[in-house]
Amino acid sequence: LGPEEGNRQLRRHWETWVTQDIIKQLAESEAVNSLRLPVGDFMYQPYGPYVGCTDGALDYVDTLLDWADSYGLSVLIDVHTAKDSQNGFDNSGQSLGFQWTSGLNKYPRGLTTFQHW
């Protein structure tokens, strides 16, 4: 698809798949108190085929977090993908040897931190 068309389709998905109205309905149902939000590492620091495709993704994550907060829902951020993952596919993570980073930990160099929130 290329970055421009990929981003256009992702933005359409983000704008229609989960809306504020859906978050409100979930909260008001009292059957849900927490949401799971799968995110890809490429949203934080795009690489390879994701460069340009995920532009705006973090803005949408922030919007969803604001909606959830305004309706009293917690959010589990699930790092659903990781570069050089277990099976090599872009939809898998790692179960062994994964190293979390933070603003205080500069190793391994060049990795994105999840200090954003």
PDB file of N, CA and C in Angstrom:
ATOM      1  N   LEU A   1       0.796  -1.200   0.000  1.00  0.00           N
ATOM      2  CA  LEU A   1       0.000   0.000   0.000  1.00  0.00           C
ATOM      3  C   LEU A   1       0.841   1.268   0.000  1.00  0.00           C
ATOM      4  N   GLY A   2       1.968   1.202   0.636  1.00  0.00           N
ATOM      5  CA  GLY A   2       2.806   2.390   0.794  1.00  0.00           C
ATOM      6  C   GLY A   2       2.397   3.178   2.018  1.00  0.00           C
ATOM      7  N   PRO A   3       3.295   4.041   2.487  1.00  0.00           N
ATOM      8  CA  PRO A   3       3.048   4.783   3.725  1.00  0.00           C
ATOM      9  C   PRO A   3       1.809   5.674   3.672  1.00  0.00           C
ATOM     10  N   GLU A   4       1.608   6.400   2.578  1.00  0.00           N
ATOM     11  CA  GLU A   4       0.487   7.342   2.519  1.00  0.00           C
ATOM     12  C   GLU A   4      -0.853   6.621   2.557  1.00  0.00           C
ATOM     13  N   GLU A   5      -1.020   5.606   1.732  1.00  0.00           N
ATOM     14  CA  GLU A   5      -2.290   4.865   1.717  1.00  0.00           C
ATOM     15  C   GLU A   5      -2.456   4.059   3.002  1.00  0.00           C
ATOM     16  N   GLY A   6      -1.366   3.484   3.499  1.00  0.00           N
ATOM     17  CA  GLY A   6      -1.431   2.740   4.755  1.00  0.00           C
ATOM     18  C   GLY A   6      -1.894   3.634   5.889  1.00  0.00           C
ATOM     19  N   ASN A   7      -1.343   4.849   5.953  1.00  0.00           N
ATOM     20  CA  ASN A   7      -1.735   5.780   7.011  1.00  0.00           C
ATOM     21  C   ASN A   7      -3.182   6.229   6.843  1.00  0.00           C
ATOM     22  N   ARG A   8      -3.603   6.443   5.611  1.00  0.00           N
ATOM     23  CA  ARG A   8      -4.990   6.843   5.366  1.00  0.00           C
ATOM     24  C   ARG A   8      -5.947   5.771   5.877  1.00  0.00           C
ATOM     25  N   GLN A   9      -5.637   4.511   5.577  1.00  0.00           N
ATOM     26  CA  GLN A   9      -6.514   3.421   6.016  1.00  0.00           C
ATOM     27  C   GLN A   9      -6.463   3.231   7.528  1.00  0.00           C
ATOM     28  N   LEU A  10      -5.291   3.359   8.123  1.00  0.00           N
ATOM     29  CA  LEU A  10      -5.195   3.242   9.584  1.00  0.00           C
ATOM     30  C   LEU A  10      -5.968   4.360  10.274  1.00  0.00           C
ATOM     31  N   ARG A  11      -5.865   5.584   9.769  1.00  0.00           N
ATOM     32  CA  ARG A  11      -6.605   6.694  10.377  1.00  0.00           C
ATOM     33  C   ARG A  11      -8.111   6.454  10.306  1.00  0.00           C
ATOM     34  N   ARG A  12      -8.576   5.940   9.186  1.00  0.00           N
ATOM     35  CA  ARG A  12     -10.005   5.618   9.061  1.00  0.00           C
ATOM     36  C   ARG A  12     -10.392   4.572  10.100  1.00  0.00           C
ATOM     37  N   HIS A  13      -9.548   3.569  10.279  1.00  0.00           N
ATOM     38  CA  HIS A  13      -9.787   2.526  11.279  1.00  0.00           C
ATOM     39  C   HIS A  13      -9.826   3.129  12.683  1.00  0.00           C
ATOM     40  N   TRP A  14      -8.820   3.944  13.033  1.00  0.00           N
ATOM     41  CA  TRP A  14      -8.757   4.539  14.369  1.00  0.00           C
ATOM     42  C   TRP A  14      -9.983   5.387  14.664  1.00  0.00           C
ATOM     43  N   GLU A  15     -10.446   6.109  13.659  1.00  0.00           N
ATOM     44  CA  GLU A  15     -11.572   7.030  13.855  1.00  0.00           C
ATOM     45  C   GLU A  15     -12.925   6.341  13.948  1.00  0.00           C
ATOM     46  N   THR A  16     -13.007   5.090  13.505  1.00  0.00           N
ATOM     47  CA  THR A  16     -14.313   4.425  13.465  1.00  0.00           C
ATOM     48  C   THR A  16     -14.401   3.163  14.316  1.00  0.00           C
ATOM     49  N   TRP A  17     -13.284   2.519  14.600  1.00  0.00           N
ATOM     50  CA  TRP A  17     -13.326   1.227  15.299  1.00  0.00           C
ATOM     51  C   TRP A  17     -13.696   1.385  16.768  1.00  0.00           C
ATOM     52  N   VAL A  18     -13.029   2.316  17.445  1.00  0.00           N
ATOM     53  CA  VAL A  18     -13.345   2.609  18.847  1.00  0.00           C
ATOM     54  C   VAL A  18     -13.624   4.104  18.938  1.00  0.00           C
ATOM     55  N   THR A  19     -14.824   4.426  19.353  1.00  0.00           N
ATOM     56  CA  THR A  19     -15.233   5.824  19.451  1.00  0.00           C
ATOM     57  C   THR A  19     -15.507   6.187  20.912  1.00  0.00           C
ATOM     58  N   GLN A  20     -15.629   7.465  21.178  1.00  0.00           N
ATOM     59  CA  GLN A  20     -15.952   7.903  22.534  1.00  0.00           C
ATOM     60  C   GLN A  20     -17.295   7.334  22.970  1.00  0.00           C
ATOM     61  N   ASP A  21     -18.226   7.236  22.048  1.00  0.00           N
ATOM     62  CA  ASP A  21     -19.539   6.684  22.383  1.00  0.00           C
ATOM     63  C   ASP A  21     -19.431   5.226  22.846  1.00  0.00           C
ATOM     64  N   ILE A  22     -18.572   4.458  22.201  1.00  0.00           N
ATOM     65  CA  ILE A  22     -18.376   3.056  22.606  1.00  0.00           C
ATOM     66  C   ILE A  22     -17.768   2.992  24.009  1.00  0.00           C
ATOM     67  N   ILE A  23     -16.780   3.838  24.276  1.00  0.00           N
ATOM     68  CA  ILE A  23     -16.154   3.870  25.602  1.00  0.00           C
ATOM     69  C   ILE A  23     -17.204   4.231  26.651  1.00  0.00           C
ATOM     70  N   LYS A  24     -18.025   5.205  26.337  1.00  0.00           N
ATOM     71  CA  LYS A  24     -19.085   5.623  27.253  1.00  0.00           C
ATOM     72  C   LYS A  24     -20.061   4.478  27.519  1.00  0.00           C
ATOM     73  N   GLN A  25     -20.471   3.785  26.465  1.00  0.00           N
ATOM     74  CA  GLN A  25     -21.399   2.657  26.623  1.00  0.00           C
ATOM     75  C   GLN A  25     -20.798   1.555  27.483  1.00  0.00           C
ATOM     76  N   LEU A  26     -19.526   1.252  27.269  1.00  0.00           N
ATOM     77  CA  LEU A  26     -18.862   0.221  28.074  1.00  0.00           C
ATOM     78  C   LEU A  26     -18.849   0.619  29.553  1.00  0.00           C
ATOM     79  N   ALA A  27     -18.521   1.868  29.811  1.00  0.00           N
ATOM     80  CA  ALA A  27     -18.465   2.334  31.205  1.00  0.00           C
ATOM     81  C   ALA A  27     -19.846   2.318  31.839  1.00  0.00           C
ATOM     82  N   GLU A  28     -20.835   2.792  31.124  1.00  0.00           N
ATOM     83  CA  GLU A  28     -22.188   2.857  31.673  1.00  0.00           C
ATOM     84  C   GLU A  28     -22.830   1.486  31.848  1.00  0.00           C
ATOM     85  N   SER A  29     -22.328   0.492  31.123  1.00  0.00           N
ATOM     86  CA  SER A  29     -22.863  -0.866  31.263  1.00  0.00           C
ATOM     87  C   SER A  29     -22.517  -1.461  32.628  1.00  0.00           C
ATOM     88  N   GLU A  30     -21.474  -0.922  33.263  1.00  0.00           N
ATOM     89  CA  GLU A  30     -20.948  -1.417  34.533  1.00  0.00           C
ATOM     90  C   GLU A  30     -20.446  -2.855  34.450  1.00  0.00           C
ATOM     91  N   ALA A  31     -20.338  -3.369  33.236  1.00  0.00           N
ATOM     92  CA  ALA A  31     -19.797  -4.710  33.027  1.00  0.00           C
ATOM     93  C   ALA A  31     -18.304  -4.653  32.717  1.00  0.00           C
ATOM     94  N   VAL A  32     -17.809  -3.459  32.444  1.00  0.00           N
ATOM     95  CA  VAL A  32     -16.412  -3.276  32.054  1.00  0.00           C
ATOM     96  C   VAL A  32     -15.804  -2.203  32.952  1.00  0.00           C
ATOM     97  N   ASN A  33     -14.612  -2.481  33.477  1.00  0.00           N
ATOM     98  CA  ASN A  33     -13.924  -1.449  34.260  1.00  0.00           C
ATOM     99  C   ASN A  33     -12.512  -1.196  33.759  1.00  0.00           C
ATOM    100  N   SER A  34     -12.087  -1.979  32.758  1.00  0.00           N
ATOM    101  CA  SER A  34     -10.740  -1.836  32.238  1.00  0.00           C
ATOM    102  C   SER A  34     -10.734  -2.194  30.759  1.00  0.00           C
ATOM    103  N   LEU A  35      -9.870  -1.523  30.011  1.00  0.00           N
ATOM    104  CA  LEU A  35      -9.722  -1.781  28.589  1.00  0.00           C
ATOM    105  C   LEU A  35      -8.313  -2.289  28.310  1.00  0.00           C
ATOM    106  N   ARG A  36      -8.173  -3.139  27.311  1.00  0.00           N
ATOM    107  CA  ARG A  36      -6.858  -3.592  26.854  1.00  0.00           C
ATOM    108  C   ARG A  36      -6.576  -2.889  25.536  1.00  0.00           C
ATOM    109  N   LEU A  37      -5.454  -2.194  25.469  1.00  0.00           N
ATOM    110  CA  LEU A  37      -5.069  -1.472  24.270  1.00  0.00           C
ATOM    111  C   LEU A  37      -3.782  -2.066  23.706  1.00  0.00           C
ATOM    112  N   PRO A  38      -3.883  -2.878  22.642  1.00  0.00           N
ATOM    113  CA  PRO A  38      -2.667  -3.413  22.029  1.00  0.00           C
ATOM    114  C   PRO A  38      -1.961  -2.323  21.230  1.00  0.00           C
ATOM    115  N   VAL A  39      -0.665  -2.172  21.441  1.00  0.00           N
ATOM    116  CA  VAL A  39       0.127  -1.197  20.696  1.00  0.00           C
ATOM    117  C   VAL A  39       1.350  -1.896  20.116  1.00  0.00           C
ATOM    118  N   GLY A  40       1.858  -1.342  19.042  1.00  0.00           N
ATOM    119  CA  GLY A  40       3.080  -1.863  18.434  1.00  0.00           C
ATOM    120  C   GLY A  40       4.256  -0.980  18.780  1.00  0.00           C
ATOM    121  N   ASP A  41       5.403  -1.576  18.928  1.00  0.00           N
ATOM    122  CA  ASP A  41       6.604  -0.782  19.230  1.00  0.00           C
ATOM    123  C   ASP A  41       6.876   0.224  18.117  1.00  0.00           C
ATOM    124  N   PHE A  42       6.465  -0.106  16.898  1.00  0.00           N
ATOM    125  CA  PHE A  42       6.691   0.764  15.746  1.00  0.00           C
ATOM    126  C   PHE A  42       5.878   2.060  15.813  1.00  0.00           C
ATOM    127  N   MET A  43       4.903   2.122  16.725  1.00  0.00           N
ATOM    128  CA  MET A  43       4.134   3.357  16.898  1.00  0.00           C
ATOM    129  C   MET A  43       4.977   4.426  17.590  1.00  0.00           C
ATOM    130  N   TYR A  44       5.933   4.011  18.393  1.00  0.00           N
ATOM    131  CA  TYR A  44       6.749   4.926  19.187  1.00  0.00           C
ATOM    132  C   TYR A  44       7.969   5.406  18.422  1.00  0.00           C
ATOM    133  N   GLN A  45       8.549   4.512  17.668  1.00  0.00           N
ATOM    134  CA  GLN A  45       9.712   4.854  16.860  1.00  0.00           C
ATOM    135  C   GLN A  45       9.642   3.998  15.599  1.00  0.00           C
ATOM    136  N   PRO A  46       8.972   4.527  14.560  1.00  0.00           N
ATOM    137  CA  PRO A  46       8.747   3.727  13.348  1.00  0.00           C
ATOM    138  C   PRO A  46      10.051   3.236  12.716  1.00  0.00           C
ATOM    139  N   TYR A  47       9.985   2.051  12.148  1.00  0.00           N
ATOM    140  CA  TYR A  47      11.125   1.466  11.446  1.00  0.00           C
ATOM    141  C   TYR A  47      10.589   0.653  10.275  1.00  0.00           C
ATOM    142  N   GLY A  48      11.453   0.380   9.333  1.00  0.00           N
ATOM    143  CA  GLY A  48      11.104  -0.462   8.193  1.00  0.00           C
ATOM    144  C   GLY A  48       9.827  -0.038   7.499  1.00  0.00           C
ATOM    145  N   PRO A  49       8.942  -0.987   7.252  1.00  0.00           N
ATOM    146  CA  PRO A  49       7.733  -0.676   6.477  1.00  0.00           C
ATOM    147  C   PRO A  49       6.718   0.184   7.218  1.00  0.00           C
ATOM    148  N   TYR A  50       6.949   0.465   8.505  1.00  0.00           N
ATOM    149  CA  TYR A  50       5.983   1.233   9.292  1.00  0.00           C
ATOM    150  C   TYR A  50       6.221   2.739   9.227  1.00  0.00           C
ATOM    151  N   VAL A  51       7.366   3.165   8.692  1.00  0.00           N
ATOM    152  CA  VAL A  51       7.668   4.591   8.622  1.00  0.00           C
ATOM    153  C   VAL A  51       6.595   5.273   7.775  1.00  0.00           C
ATOM    154  N   GLY A  52       5.910   6.231   8.395  1.00  0.00           N
ATOM    155  CA  GLY A  52       4.853   6.966   7.712  1.00  0.00           C
ATOM    156  C   GLY A  52       3.478   6.348   7.856  1.00  0.00           C
ATOM    157  N   CYS A  53       3.401   5.054   8.024  1.00  0.00           N
ATOM    158  CA  CYS A  53       2.097   4.369   8.108  1.00  0.00           C
ATOM    159  C   CYS A  53       1.374   4.670   9.411  1.00  0.00           C
ATOM    160  N   THR A  54       2.117   4.820  10.484  1.00  0.00           N
ATOM    161  CA  THR A  54       1.488   4.964  11.799  1.00  0.00           C
ATOM    162  C   THR A  54       1.517   6.399  12.308  1.00  0.00           C
ATOM    163  N   ASP A  55       1.773   7.355  11.412  1.00  0.00           N
ATOM    164  CA  ASP A  55       1.737   8.762  11.826  1.00  0.00           C
ATOM    165  C   ASP A  55       0.384   9.061  12.458  1.00  0.00           C
ATOM    166  N   GLY A  56       0.377   9.674  13.628  1.00  0.00           N
ATOM    167  CA  GLY A  56      -0.859  10.008  14.326  1.00  0.00           C
ATOM    168  C   GLY A  56      -1.336   8.954  15.305  1.00  0.00           C
ATOM    169  N   ALA A  57      -0.691   7.805  15.341  1.00  0.00           N
ATOM    170  CA  ALA A  57      -1.134   6.716  16.217  1.00  0.00           C
ATOM    171  C   ALA A  57      -1.082   7.121  17.688  1.00  0.00           C
ATOM    172  N   LEU A  58      -0.017   7.774  18.094  1.00  0.00           N
ATOM    173  CA  LEU A  58       0.106   8.144  19.509  1.00  0.00           C
ATOM    174  C   LEU A  58      -0.903   9.215  19.904  1.00  0.00           C
ATOM    175  N   ASP A  59      -1.288  10.054  18.965  1.00  0.00           N
ATOM    176  CA  ASP A  59      -2.349  11.027  19.251  1.00  0.00           C
ATOM    177  C   ASP A  59      -3.653  10.296  19.554  1.00  0.00           C
ATOM    178  N   TYR A  60      -3.910   9.245  18.789  1.00  0.00           N
ATOM    179  CA  TYR A  60      -5.140   8.487  19.028  1.00  0.00           C
ATOM    180  C   TYR A  60      -5.064   7.728  20.352  1.00  0.00           C
ATOM    181  N   VAL A  61      -3.899   7.193  20.684  1.00  0.00           N
ATOM    182  CA  VAL A  61      -3.721   6.531  21.987  1.00  0.00           C
ATOM    183  C   VAL A  61      -4.013   7.529  23.107  1.00  0.00           C
ATOM    184  N   ASP A  62      -3.466   8.735  22.988  1.00  0.00           N
ATOM    185  CA  ASP A  62      -3.728   9.765  24.007  1.00  0.00           C
ATOM    186  C   ASP A  62      -5.216  10.075  24.112  1.00  0.00           C
ATOM    187  N   THR A  63      -5.885  10.160  22.972  1.00  0.00           N
ATOM    188  CA  THR A  63      -7.330  10.430  22.965  1.00  0.00           C
ATOM    189  C   THR A  63      -8.077   9.315  23.677  1.00  0.00           C
ATOM    190  N   LEU A  64      -7.733   8.074  23.359  1.00  0.00           N
ATOM    191  CA  LEU A  64      -8.408   6.941  23.997  1.00  0.00           C
ATOM    192  C   LEU A  64      -8.156   6.933  25.506  1.00  0.00           C
ATOM    193  N   LEU A  65      -6.936   7.241  25.916  1.00  0.00           N
ATOM    194  CA  LEU A  65      -6.629   7.298  27.353  1.00  0.00           C
ATOM    195  C   LEU A  65      -7.444   8.387  28.037  1.00  0.00           C
ATOM    196  N   ASP A  66      -7.602   9.516  27.376  1.00  0.00           N
ATOM    197  CA  ASP A  66      -8.423  10.597  27.935  1.00  0.00           C
ATOM    198  C   ASP A  66      -9.875  10.168  28.061  1.00  0.00           C
ATOM    199  N   TRP A  67     -10.419   9.513  27.019  1.00  0.00           N
ATOM    200  CA  TRP A  67     -11.808   9.036  27.070  1.00  0.00           C
ATOM    201  C   TRP A  67     -11.986   8.066  28.233  1.00  0.00           C
ATOM    202  N   ALA A  68     -11.079   7.087  28.314  1.00  0.00           N
ATOM    203  CA  ALA A  68     -11.182   6.084  29.378  1.00  0.00           C
ATOM    204  C   ALA A  68     -11.148   6.752  30.743  1.00  0.00           C
ATOM    205  N   ASP A  69     -10.234   7.680  30.928  1.00  0.00           N
ATOM    206  CA  ASP A  69     -10.123   8.378  32.201  1.00  0.00           C
ATOM    207  C   ASP A  69     -11.403   9.150  32.522  1.00  0.00           C
ATOM    208  N   SER A  70     -11.963   9.796  31.537  1.00  0.00           N
ATOM    209  CA  SER A  70     -13.160  10.600  31.787  1.00  0.00           C
ATOM    210  C   SER A  70     -14.370   9.749  32.175  1.00  0.00           C
ATOM    211  N   TYR A  71     -14.341   8.459  31.815  1.00  0.00           N
ATOM    212  CA  TYR A  71     -15.444   7.552  32.177  1.00  0.00           C
ATOM    213  C   TYR A  71     -15.056   6.579  33.289  1.00  0.00           C
ATOM    214  N   GLY A  72     -13.905   6.807  33.923  1.00  0.00           N
ATOM    215  CA  GLY A  72     -13.501   5.996  35.062  1.00  0.00           C
ATOM    216  C   GLY A  72     -13.006   4.602  34.717  1.00  0.00           C
ATOM    217  N   LEU A  73     -12.531   4.416  33.497  1.00  0.00           N
ATOM    218  CA  LEU A  73     -12.005   3.109  33.090  1.00  0.00           C
ATOM    219  C   LEU A  73     -10.482   3.118  33.136  1.00  0.00           C
ATOM    220  N   SER A  74      -9.895   2.014  33.550  1.00  0.00           N
ATOM    221  CA  SER A  74      -8.445   1.889  33.489  1.00  0.00           C
ATOM    222  C   SER A  74      -8.076   1.268  32.143  1.00  0.00           C
ATOM    223  N   VAL A  75      -6.802   1.402  31.776  1.00  0.00           N
ATOM    224  CA  VAL A  75      -6.344   0.888  30.492  1.00  0.00           C
ATOM    225  C   VAL A  75      -5.067   0.089  30.693  1.00  0.00           C
ATOM    226  N   LEU A  76      -5.062  -1.129  30.181  1.00  0.00           N
ATOM    227  CA  LEU A  76      -3.859  -1.955  30.146  1.00  0.00           C
ATOM    228  C   LEU A  76      -3.230  -1.756  28.773  1.00  0.00           C
ATOM    229  N   ILE A  77      -2.052  -1.173  28.744  1.00  0.00           N
ATOM    230  CA  ILE A  77      -1.351  -0.982  27.475  1.00  0.00           C
ATOM    231  C   ILE A  77      -0.531  -2.237  27.215  1.00  0.00           C
ATOM    232  N   ASP A  78      -0.905  -2.962  26.178  1.00  0.00           N
ATOM    233  CA  ASP A  78      -0.301  -4.244  25.821  1.00  0.00           C
ATOM    234  C   ASP A  78       0.663  -4.020  24.666  1.00  0.00           C
ATOM    235  N   VAL A  79       1.968  -4.087  24.947  1.00  0.00           N
ATOM    236  CA  VAL A  79       2.951  -3.983  23.872  1.00  0.00           C
ATOM    237  C   VAL A  79       2.860  -5.284  23.088  1.00  0.00           C
ATOM    238  N   HIS A  80       2.078  -5.228  22.028  1.00  0.00           N
ATOM    239  CA  HIS A  80       1.629  -6.414  21.300  1.00  0.00           C
ATOM    240  C   HIS A  80       2.639  -6.885  20.260  1.00  0.00           C
ATOM    241  N   THR A  81       3.560  -6.020  19.881  1.00  0.00           N
ATOM    242  CA  THR A  81       4.558  -6.380  18.880  1.00  0.00           C
ATOM    243  C   THR A  81       5.920  -5.901  19.344  1.00  0.00           C
ATOM    244  N   ALA A  82       6.945  -6.544  18.877  1.00  0.00           N
ATOM    245  CA  ALA A  82       8.303  -6.127  19.193  1.00  0.00           C
ATOM    246  C   ALA A  82       9.226  -6.487  18.040  1.00  0.00           C
ATOM    247  N   LYS A  83      10.103  -5.572  17.687  1.00  0.00           N
ATOM    248  CA  LYS A  83      11.060  -5.808  16.618  1.00  0.00           C
ATOM    249  C   LYS A  83      11.894  -7.043  16.955  1.00  0.00           C
ATOM    250  N   ASP A  84      12.182  -7.852  15.949  1.00  0.00           N
ATOM    251  CA  ASP A  84      12.943  -9.094  16.131  1.00  0.00           C
ATOM    252  C   ASP A  84      12.239 -10.012  17.118  1.00  0.00           C
ATOM    253  N   SER A  85      10.955 -10.143  16.975  1.00  0.00           N
ATOM    254  CA  SER A  85      10.116 -10.878  17.920  1.00  0.00           C
ATOM    255  C   SER A  85      10.332 -12.381  17.866  1.00  0.00           C
ATOM    256  N   GLN A  86       9.607 -13.058  18.765  1.00  0.00           N
ATOM    257  CA  GLN A  86       9.696 -14.506  18.899  1.00  0.00           C
ATOM    258  C   GLN A  86       9.612 -15.241  17.575  1.00  0.00           C
ATOM    259  N   ASN A  87       8.552 -14.973  16.815  1.00  0.00           N
ATOM    260  CA  ASN A  87       8.366 -15.736  15.579  1.00  0.00           C
ATOM    261  C   ASN A  87       8.756 -14.942  14.345  1.00  0.00           C
ATOM    262  N   GLY A  88       9.231 -13.711  14.528  1.00  0.00           N
ATOM    263  CA  GLY A  88       9.670 -12.922  13.392  1.00  0.00           C
ATOM    264  C   GLY A  88       8.558 -12.170  12.684  1.00  0.00           C
ATOM    265  N   PHE A  89       7.318 -12.414  13.063  1.00  0.00           N
ATOM    266  CA  PHE A  89       6.210 -11.712  12.441  1.00  0.00           C
ATOM    267  C   PHE A  89       5.933 -10.426  13.203  1.00  0.00           C
ATOM    268  N   ASP A  90       5.289  -9.463  12.517  1.00  0.00           N
ATOM    269  CA  ASP A  90       5.060  -8.166  13.142  1.00  0.00           C
ATOM    270  C   ASP A  90       3.915  -8.160  14.145  1.00  0.00           C
ATOM    271  N   ASN A  91       3.288  -9.288  14.379  1.00  0.00           N
ATOM    272  CA  ASN A  91       2.181  -9.339  15.341  1.00  0.00           C
ATOM    273  C   ASN A  91       2.527 -10.178  16.561  1.00  0.00           C
ATOM    274  N   SER A  92       3.815 -10.321  16.834  1.00  0.00           N
ATOM    275  CA  SER A  92       4.192 -11.127  17.998  1.00  0.00           C
ATOM    276  C   SER A  92       5.119 -10.331  18.907  1.00  0.00           C
ATOM    277  N   GLY A  93       5.250 -10.821  20.101  1.00  0.00           N
ATOM    278  CA  GLY A  93       6.129 -10.187  21.077  1.00  0.00           C
ATOM    279  C   GLY A  93       7.302 -11.078  21.396  1.00  0.00           C
ATOM    280  N   GLN A  94       7.884 -10.858  22.542  1.00  0.00           N
ATOM    281  CA  GLN A  94       8.993 -11.681  22.995  1.00  0.00           C
ATOM    282  C   GLN A  94       8.684 -12.209  24.379  1.00  0.00           C
ATOM    283  N   SER A  95       9.023 -13.459  24.605  1.00  0.00           N
ATOM    284  CA  SER A  95       8.796 -14.018  25.932  1.00  0.00           C
ATOM    285  C   SER A  95      10.097 -14.172  26.712  1.00  0.00           C
ATOM    286  N   LEU A  96      11.212 -14.139  26.035  1.00  0.00           N
ATOM    287  CA  LEU A  96      12.501 -14.308  26.708  1.00  0.00           C
ATOM    288  C   LEU A  96      13.464 -13.213  26.270  1.00  0.00           C
ATOM    289  N   GLY A  97      14.267 -12.756  27.170  1.00  0.00           N
ATOM    290  CA  GLY A  97      15.334 -11.832  26.829  1.00  0.00           C
ATOM    291  C   GLY A  97      14.885 -10.415  26.511  1.00  0.00           C
ATOM    292  N   PHE A  98      13.671 -10.051  26.846  1.00  0.00           N
ATOM    293  CA  PHE A  98      13.194  -8.697  26.573  1.00  0.00           C
ATOM    294  C   PHE A  98      13.701  -7.755  27.650  1.00  0.00           C
ATOM    295  N   GLN A  99      14.204  -6.597  27.264  1.00  0.00           N
ATOM    296  CA  GLN A  99      14.725  -5.644  28.228  1.00  0.00           C
ATOM    297  C   GLN A  99      13.904  -4.370  28.180  1.00  0.00           C
ATOM    298  N   TRP A 100      13.242  -4.021  29.277  1.00  0.00           N
ATOM    299  CA  TRP A 100      12.501  -2.769  29.363  1.00  0.00           C
ATOM    300  C   TRP A 100      13.489  -1.646  29.540  1.00  0.00           C
ATOM    301  N   THR A 101      13.117  -0.484  29.028  1.00  0.00           N
ATOM    302  CA  THR A 101      13.972   0.680  29.195  1.00  0.00           C
ATOM    303  C   THR A 101      13.178   1.773  29.887  1.00  0.00           C
ATOM    304  N   SER A 102      13.876   2.731  30.415  1.00  0.00           N
ATOM    305  CA  SER A 102      13.218   3.880  31.033  1.00  0.00           C
ATOM    306  C   SER A 102      14.116   5.089  30.859  1.00  0.00           C
ATOM    307  N   GLY A 103      13.621   6.237  31.284  1.00  0.00           N
ATOM    308  CA  GLY A 103      14.423   7.445  31.209  1.00  0.00           C
ATOM    309  C   GLY A 103      15.688   7.345  32.040  1.00  0.00           C
ATOM    310  N   LEU A 104      15.691   6.481  33.046  1.00  0.00           N
ATOM    311  CA  LEU A 104      16.862   6.325  33.909  1.00  0.00           C
ATOM    312  C   LEU A 104      17.832   5.280  33.381  1.00  0.00           C
ATOM    313  N   ASN A 105      17.349   4.412  32.527  1.00  0.00           N
ATOM    314  CA  ASN A 105      18.160   3.323  32.001  1.00  0.00           C
ATOM    315  C   ASN A 105      18.448   3.586  30.534  1.00  0.00           C
ATOM    316  N   LYS A 106      19.651   3.926  30.210  1.00  0.00           N
ATOM    317  CA  LYS A 106      20.015   4.257  28.832  1.00  0.00           C
ATOM    318  C   LYS A 106      20.482   3.038  28.031  1.00  0.00           C
ATOM    319  N   TYR A 107      20.391   1.846  28.601  1.00  0.00           N
ATOM    320  CA  TYR A 107      20.802   0.639  27.901  1.00  0.00           C
ATOM    321  C   TYR A 107      19.585  -0.236  27.681  1.00  0.00           C
ATOM    322  N   PRO A 108      19.375  -0.882  26.604  1.00  0.00           N
ATOM    323  CA  PRO A 108      20.177  -0.794  25.386  1.00  0.00           C
ATOM    324  C   PRO A 108      19.906   0.500  24.622  1.00  0.00           C
ATOM    325  N   ARG A 109      20.913   1.025  24.055  1.00  0.00           N
ATOM    326  CA  ARG A 109      20.868   2.311  23.379  1.00  0.00           C
ATOM    327  C   ARG A 109      19.938   2.278  22.171  1.00  0.00           C
ATOM    328  N   GLY A 110      19.205   3.370  21.973  1.00  0.00           N
ATOM    329  CA  GLY A 110      18.402   3.500  20.779  1.00  0.00           C
ATOM    330  C   GLY A 110      16.994   2.941  20.852  1.00  0.00           C
ATOM    331  N   LEU A 111      16.677   2.235  21.915  1.00  0.00           N
ATOM    332  CA  LEU A 111      15.323   1.692  22.023  1.00  0.00           C
ATOM    333  C   LEU A 111      14.373   2.754  22.557  1.00  0.00           C
ATOM    334  N   THR A 112      13.148   2.655  22.147  1.00  0.00           N
ATOM    335  CA  THR A 112      12.127   3.580  22.618  1.00  0.00           C
ATOM    336  C   THR A 112      11.797   3.273  24.064  1.00  0.00           C
ATOM    337  N   THR A 113      11.512   4.290  24.840  1.00  0.00           N
ATOM    338  CA  THR A 113      11.080   4.077  26.214  1.00  0.00           C
ATOM    339  C   THR A 113       9.585   4.261  26.305  1.00  0.00           C
ATOM    340  N   PHE A 114       8.992   3.754  27.336  1.00  0.00           N
ATOM    341  CA  PHE A 114       7.561   3.866  27.540  1.00  0.00           C
ATOM    342  C   PHE A 114       7.278   4.842  28.664  1.00  0.00           C
ATOM    343  N   GLN A 115       8.057   5.882  28.715  1.00  0.00           N
ATOM    344  CA  GLN A 115       7.941   6.928  29.690  1.00  0.00           C
ATOM    345  C   GLN A 115       6.870   7.935  29.259  1.00  0.00           C
ATOM    346  N   HIS A 116       6.321   7.774  28.066  1.00  0.00           N
ATOM    347  CA  HIS A 116       5.361   8.695  27.467  1.00  0.00           C
ATOM    348  C   HIS A 116       4.202   8.997  28.421  1.00  0.00           C
ATOM    349  N   TRP A 117       3.742   8.018  29.191  1.00  0.00           N
ATOM    350  CA  TRP A 117       2.608   8.226  30.076  1.00  0.00           C
ATOM    351  C   TRP A 117       3.099   8.520  31.458  1.00  0.00           C
TER     352      TRP A 117
END
